Amino acid sequence: MKKKVLTVLLAGVLAAAALTGCGGSDKDSDSGSSGSDSGSSSEGKVVKVAASATPHAEILEEAKGLLEKEGYQLDVTVFNDYVQPNEVVESGDFDANYFQHIPYLESFNEEKGTHLVNAGGIHYEPFGIYPGTRKSLDELEEGDTIAVPNDTTNEARALLLLEANGVIKLKDGAGLNATVNDIAENTKNVKIQELEAAQVSRVVEEVAFVVLNGNYALEAGYSVKSDAIAYETSDSEAAKTYVNVIAVKEGNEENEAIQALVKVLKSDDIKKFIDGEYDGAVIAFEE
């Protein structure tokens, strides 16, 4: 199970970290396509979706039977890059894609002149606080050290999670651009140690806590569900920002087939699948 979830998070972090410069390799020849020769969802009620392999295509495969009950056949094609899935939706060759978060979608639109929009948030991959020399945040003492990633996006998410759990308070408006310079209150005089993301888990025996994104937590042998002292909730700013979405070409978000797809992906059945399959590394998004 751990090996599978690690693969999930490695894929998810690539999508979360890549705001520019994604590769342009060919789509996977062993795709999850249903093999339908029908065109768009309006011709034959086929919904064609481009997706990353894990967890996106896996979730879509689970949704096929549910969507069929709504009157639609789901045709999933796996891509192994983060450019072509947007291009094929922009061109109209596919109805939707499922692989990216909103900041990447917006950046892609700006750089490529595309017209893609969010049709619905499905899941996010949470940051967590994990124990080091302390086992509970209640044990935190004056001058303790907490290790966090030092890259812009991940450091901000780590700091926001610490703020949400009462460790620090950030300046108003710092949000997802926050750095240690934005710490307004630090009542325990906690030292925030900034490290390259891959190095954070390696100092776990030297610091009170480490704050990790999912793939590095799993590499270190942590389970998000079982081991995290706290992790990003669905109503957190980070979860709302980095939720992975169904993306469509502008104007198609109200299409009945797309609405049916989003409805199924947000159903209790899919939420149960996500919860049971990914051990907390992937969490269904609640709006």
Protein backbone atom coordinates (compact mmCIF):
# COMPACT_ATOMS: atom_id res chain seq x y z
CA MET A 1 0.00 0.00 0.00
CA LYS A 2 2.77 2.40 0.94
CA LYS A 3 4.49 1.88 -2.41
CA LYS A 4 1.32 2.69 -4.30
CA VAL A 5 0.59 5.79 -2.26
CA LEU A 6 4.18 6.97 -2.72
CA THR A 7 3.68 6.75 -6.48
CA VAL A 8 0.48 8.76 -6.08
CA LEU A 9 2.19 11.54 -4.25
CA LEU A 10 5.20 11.70 -6.51
CA ALA A 11 2.81 12.29 -9.41
CA GLY A 12 0.76 14.79 -7.43
CA VAL A 13 3.74 16.85 -6.33
CA LEU A 14 4.91 17.20 -9.91
CA ALA A 15 1.54 18.72 -10.74
CA ALA A 16 1.63 20.90 -7.64
CA ALA A 17 5.15 22.15 -8.16
CA ALA A 18 5.10 22.73 -11.90
CA LEU A 19 3.83 26.20 -12.71
CA THR A 20 5.91 26.58 -15.87
CA GLY A 21 8.16 24.60 -18.15
CA CYS A 22 6.31 21.27 -18.14
CA GLY A 23 7.67 18.60 -20.48
CA GLY A 24 6.10 17.71 -23.80
CA SER A 25 6.40 13.96 -24.18
CA ASP A 26 3.99 11.79 -26.15
CA LYS A 27 0.83 10.49 -24.55
CA ASP A 28 0.94 7.04 -23.03
CA SER A 29 0.33 4.40 -25.70
CA ASP A 30 -1.05 2.04 -23.03
CA SER A 31 -3.75 4.49 -22.03
CA GLY A 32 -6.91 3.77 -20.09
CA SER A 33 -9.05 4.61 -23.13
CA SER A 34 -12.32 2.74 -23.40
CA GLY A 35 -11.71 2.46 -27.11
CA SER A 36 -14.84 4.34 -28.15
CA ASP A 37 -14.90 5.78 -31.66
CA SER A 38 -17.49 8.38 -30.71
CA GLY A 39 -16.56 12.03 -30.76
CA SER A 40 -17.56 14.55 -28.13
CA SER A 41 -19.95 13.97 -25.27
CA SER A 42 -22.78 15.42 -27.35
CA GLU A 43 -22.34 12.70 -29.99
CA GLY A 44 -23.02 9.30 -28.51
CA LYS A 45 -22.85 10.50 -24.87
CA VAL A 46 -19.15 9.75 -24.56
CA VAL A 47 -17.12 11.93 -22.19
CA LYS A 48 -13.48 12.00 -23.24
CA VAL A 49 -11.09 12.89 -20.43
CA ALA A 50 -7.30 13.31 -20.50
CA ALA A 51 -5.65 12.43 -17.20
CA SER A 52 -2.44 11.76 -15.32
CA ALA A 53 -2.02 8.11 -14.40
CA THR A 54 -2.07 8.39 -10.62
CA PRO A 55 -4.33 9.08 -8.85
CA HIS A 56 -6.41 10.83 -11.48
CA ALA A 57 -6.94 8.03 -14.01
CA GLU A 58 -7.44 5.54 -11.18
CA ILE A 59 -10.22 7.67 -9.72
CA LEU A 60 -11.78 8.07 -13.16
CA GLU A 61 -11.72 4.30 -13.71
CA GLU A 62 -13.62 3.88 -10.46
CA ALA A 63 -16.15 6.46 -11.69
CA LYS A 64 -16.92 4.73 -15.00
CA GLY A 65 -19.73 2.55 -13.70
CA LEU A 66 -21.29 5.40 -11.78
CA LEU A 67 -21.23 7.70 -14.79
CA GLU A 68 -22.72 4.98 -16.98
CA LYS A 69 -25.75 5.03 -14.68
CA GLU A 70 -26.06 8.73 -15.52
CA GLY A 71 -26.17 7.86 -19.22
CA TYR A 72 -22.57 8.56 -20.23
CA GLN A 73 -19.62 6.44 -21.27
CA LEU A 74 -16.33 7.64 -19.81
CA ASP A 75 -13.34 7.40 -22.15
CA VAL A 76 -10.08 7.98 -20.23
CA THR A 77 -6.71 8.54 -21.92
CA VAL A 78 -3.56 8.70 -19.81
CA PHE A 79 -0.93 11.33 -20.64
CA ASN A 80 2.54 11.40 -19.12
CA ASP A 81 3.13 15.14 -19.44
CA TYR A 82 1.41 18.32 -18.28
CA VAL A 83 1.09 20.14 -21.61
CA GLN A 84 -0.83 17.87 -23.96
CA PRO A 85 -3.81 17.32 -21.63
CA ASN A 86 -4.54 21.03 -21.79
CA GLU A 87 -3.87 21.30 -25.52
CA VAL A 88 -6.31 18.51 -26.40
CA VAL A 89 -9.06 20.12 -24.33
CA GLU A 90 -8.40 23.53 -25.89
CA SER A 91 -8.57 21.99 -29.38
CA GLY A 92 -11.85 20.24 -28.62
CA ASP A 93 -10.43 16.74 -29.14
CA PHE A 94 -11.22 15.99 -25.49
CA ASP A 95 -14.08 17.19 -23.32
CA ALA A 96 -12.09 17.63 -20.11
CA ASN A 97 -8.91 16.84 -18.27
CA TYR A 98 -8.07 15.87 -14.71
CA PHE A 99 -4.47 16.35 -13.59
CA GLN A 100 -3.86 19.91 -12.43
CA HIS A 101 -4.53 22.49 -9.76
CA ILE A 102 -5.85 26.01 -10.34
CA PRO A 103 -2.54 27.94 -10.16
CA TYR A 104 -1.10 25.72 -12.90
CA LEU A 105 -4.25 26.07 -15.02
CA GLU A 106 -4.15 29.85 -14.73
CA SER A 107 -0.43 29.97 -15.49
CA PHE A 108 -0.93 27.75 -18.54
CA ASN A 109 -3.73 29.97 -19.85
CA GLU A 110 -1.54 33.05 -19.44
CA GLU A 111 1.50 31.51 -21.13
CA LYS A 112 -0.24 29.59 -23.91
CA GLY A 113 -3.27 31.79 -24.62
CA THR A 114 -5.67 28.95 -23.87
CA HIS A 115 -9.18 29.32 -22.47
CA LEU A 116 -9.49 26.62 -19.83
CA VAL A 117 -11.64 26.88 -16.71
CA ASN A 118 -12.31 24.93 -13.54
CA ALA A 119 -15.48 22.84 -13.75
CA GLY A 120 -15.14 21.35 -10.26
CA GLY A 121 -12.59 20.59 -7.53
CA ILE A 122 -12.16 16.88 -6.82
CA HIS A 123 -9.22 16.16 -4.49
CA TYR A 124 -6.12 17.61 -2.84
CA GLU A 125 -2.89 16.13 -1.48
CA PRO A 126 -2.26 17.49 2.01
CA PHE A 127 0.77 18.82 3.85
CA GLY A 128 1.24 17.38 7.32
CA ILE A 129 3.06 18.08 10.58
CA TYR A 130 4.99 15.02 11.76
CA PRO A 131 6.62 14.28 15.13
CA GLY A 132 10.33 14.59 15.72
CA THR A 133 11.63 14.89 19.28
CA ARG A 134 8.16 16.05 20.35
CA LYS A 135 5.08 13.87 19.93
CA SER A 136 2.40 16.50 20.40
CA LEU A 137 2.16 20.21 19.68
CA ASP A 138 1.25 20.62 23.36
CA GLU A 139 4.82 19.54 24.18
CA LEU A 140 6.38 22.39 22.18
CA GLU A 141 8.85 24.33 24.33
CA GLU A 142 10.62 27.68 24.14
CA GLY A 143 13.27 27.68 21.42
CA ASP A 144 12.29 24.36 19.80
CA THR A 145 13.02 23.96 16.09
CA ILE A 146 10.57 23.02 13.36
CA ALA A 147 11.90 22.10 9.90
CA VAL A 148 10.00 23.22 6.78
CA PRO A 149 10.67 23.15 3.02
CA ASN A 150 12.39 26.28 1.67
CA ASP A 151 10.81 26.61 -1.78
CA THR A 152 8.22 29.35 -2.12
CA THR A 153 4.99 27.36 -2.48
CA ASN A 154 5.81 24.60 -0.02
CA GLU A 155 7.20 26.92 2.65
CA ALA A 156 4.05 29.01 2.56
CA ARG A 157 1.86 25.91 2.91
CA ALA A 158 3.97 24.71 5.83
CA LEU A 159 3.74 28.08 7.60
CA LEU A 160 0.00 28.30 7.05
CA LEU A 161 -0.40 24.84 8.55
CA LEU A 162 1.64 25.86 11.59
CA GLU A 163 -0.50 28.98 11.90
CA ALA A 164 -3.70 26.94 11.67
CA ASN A 165 -2.46 24.85 14.59
CA GLY A 166 -1.55 27.81 16.79
CA VAL A 167 2.24 27.58 16.58
CA ILE A 168 2.79 30.96 14.89
CA LYS A 169 0.76 33.85 13.51
CA LEU A 170 1.48 35.33 10.09
CA LYS A 171 1.06 38.91 8.95
CA ASP A 172 -2.33 39.69 7.48
CA GLY A 173 -2.46 38.89 3.79
CA ALA A 174 0.72 36.80 3.71
CA GLY A 175 -1.22 33.81 2.44
CA LEU A 176 0.41 31.52 -0.09
CA ASN A 177 3.34 33.89 -0.54
CA ALA A 178 4.32 33.65 3.12
CA THR A 179 7.94 33.25 4.22
CA VAL A 180 9.55 33.25 7.65
CA ASN A 181 9.81 37.04 7.31
CA ASP A 182 6.00 37.16 7.50
CA ILE A 183 5.81 35.64 10.99
CA ALA A 184 4.10 38.28 13.12
CA GLU A 185 3.78 36.32 16.39
CA ASN A 186 5.93 33.49 17.72
CA THR A 187 5.06 33.12 21.39
CA LYS A 188 7.25 30.04 21.93
CA ASN A 189 10.14 31.66 20.05
CA VAL A 190 10.17 28.61 17.80
CA LYS A 191 13.01 28.45 15.30
CA ILE A 192 11.86 27.70 11.76
CA GLN A 193 14.59 25.77 9.96
CA GLU A 194 14.30 26.11 6.17
CA LEU A 195 15.65 23.15 4.18
CA GLU A 196 15.43 21.82 0.65
CA ALA A 197 12.22 19.77 0.60
CA ALA A 198 13.94 16.40 0.23
CA GLN A 199 16.12 17.11 3.28
CA VAL A 200 13.38 17.98 5.77
CA SER A 201 12.50 14.44 6.82
CA ARG A 202 16.19 13.63 7.35
CA VAL A 203 16.46 15.93 10.37
CA VAL A 204 13.48 14.40 12.15
CA GLU A 205 15.60 13.19 15.07
CA GLU A 206 17.12 16.65 15.54
CA VAL A 207 14.02 18.88 15.57
CA ALA A 208 10.72 19.02 17.41
CA PHE A 209 8.61 18.59 14.27
CA VAL A 210 8.93 18.41 10.52
CA VAL A 211 6.36 19.75 8.05
CA LEU A 212 6.28 17.67 4.89
CA ASN A 213 4.51 17.46 1.59
CA GLY A 214 3.07 14.03 0.97
CA ASN A 215 5.66 12.29 -1.18
CA TYR A 216 8.53 13.09 1.18
CA ALA A 217 6.43 12.05 4.17
CA LEU A 218 5.81 8.69 2.60
CA GLU A 219 9.45 8.29 1.60
CA ALA A 220 10.24 8.75 5.28
CA GLY A 221 7.78 6.00 6.18
CA TYR A 222 4.95 8.20 7.42
CA SER A 223 1.26 7.63 6.79
CA VAL A 224 -0.64 10.88 6.43
CA LYS A 225 -3.71 9.36 8.03
CA SER A 226 -1.96 7.57 10.88
CA ASP A 227 1.15 9.60 11.67
CA ALA A 228 0.46 13.26 10.94
CA ILE A 229 -0.20 15.33 14.04
CA ALA A 230 -2.16 17.70 11.82
CA TYR A 231 -2.70 18.14 8.10
CA GLU A 232 -4.38 20.57 5.70
CA THR A 233 -8.15 20.47 5.90
CA SER A 234 -10.55 20.97 3.01
CA ASP A 235 -11.40 24.48 4.18
CA SER A 236 -7.76 25.59 4.36
CA GLU A 237 -6.46 28.22 1.96
CA ALA A 238 -3.91 25.76 0.58
CA ALA A 239 -6.44 23.01 -0.08
CA LYS A 240 -8.78 25.42 -1.84
CA THR A 241 -5.90 26.74 -3.94
CA TYR A 242 -4.20 23.47 -4.79
CA VAL A 243 -7.29 21.33 -5.25
CA ASN A 244 -7.01 19.17 -8.38
CA VAL A 245 -9.82 20.03 -10.76
CA ILE A 246 -11.76 18.90 -13.78
CA ALA A 247 -10.76 21.46 -16.43
CA VAL A 248 -12.75 22.22 -19.58
CA LYS A 249 -12.71 24.79 -22.33
CA GLU A 250 -14.45 27.99 -21.32
CA GLY A 251 -18.15 27.75 -22.10
CA ASN A 252 -18.37 24.01 -21.55
CA GLU A 253 -18.49 24.05 -17.76
CA GLU A 254 -22.30 23.98 -17.83
CA ASN A 255 -22.43 21.09 -20.32
CA GLU A 256 -24.70 18.35 -18.96
CA ALA A 257 -22.10 15.65 -19.50
CA ILE A 258 -19.44 17.63 -17.63
CA GLN A 259 -21.83 18.36 -14.79
CA ALA A 260 -22.67 14.65 -14.60
CA LEU A 261 -18.95 13.79 -14.48
CA VAL A 262 -18.25 16.26 -11.69
CA LYS A 263 -21.31 15.08 -9.76
CA VAL A 264 -20.08 11.49 -9.89
CA LEU A 265 -16.51 12.41 -8.92
CA LYS A 266 -17.84 14.30 -5.91
CA SER A 267 -20.21 11.50 -4.91
CA ASP A 268 -20.01 9.60 -1.64
CA ASP A 269 -18.97 6.46 -3.53
CA ILE A 270 -15.88 8.15 -4.97
CA LYS A 271 -15.08 9.83 -1.65
CA LYS A 272 -15.12 6.39 0.00
CA PHE A 273 -12.87 5.01 -2.73
CA ILE A 274 -10.35 7.83 -2.29
CA ASP A 275 -10.38 7.49 1.48
CA GLY A 276 -9.86 3.74 1.35
CA GLU A 277 -7.33 3.62 -1.47
CA TYR A 278 -4.79 6.33 -0.64
CA ASP A 279 -4.32 6.27 3.14
CA GLY A 280 -4.85 10.01 3.51
CA ALA A 281 -2.31 10.92 0.80
CA VAL A 282 -5.24 11.98 -1.38
CA ILE A 283 -8.30 13.58 0.20
CA ALA A 284 -11.65 14.25 -1.46
CA PHE A 285 -12.25 18.00 -1.62
CA GLU A 286 -15.28 19.34 0.20
CA GLU A 287 -16.48 22.72 -1.02
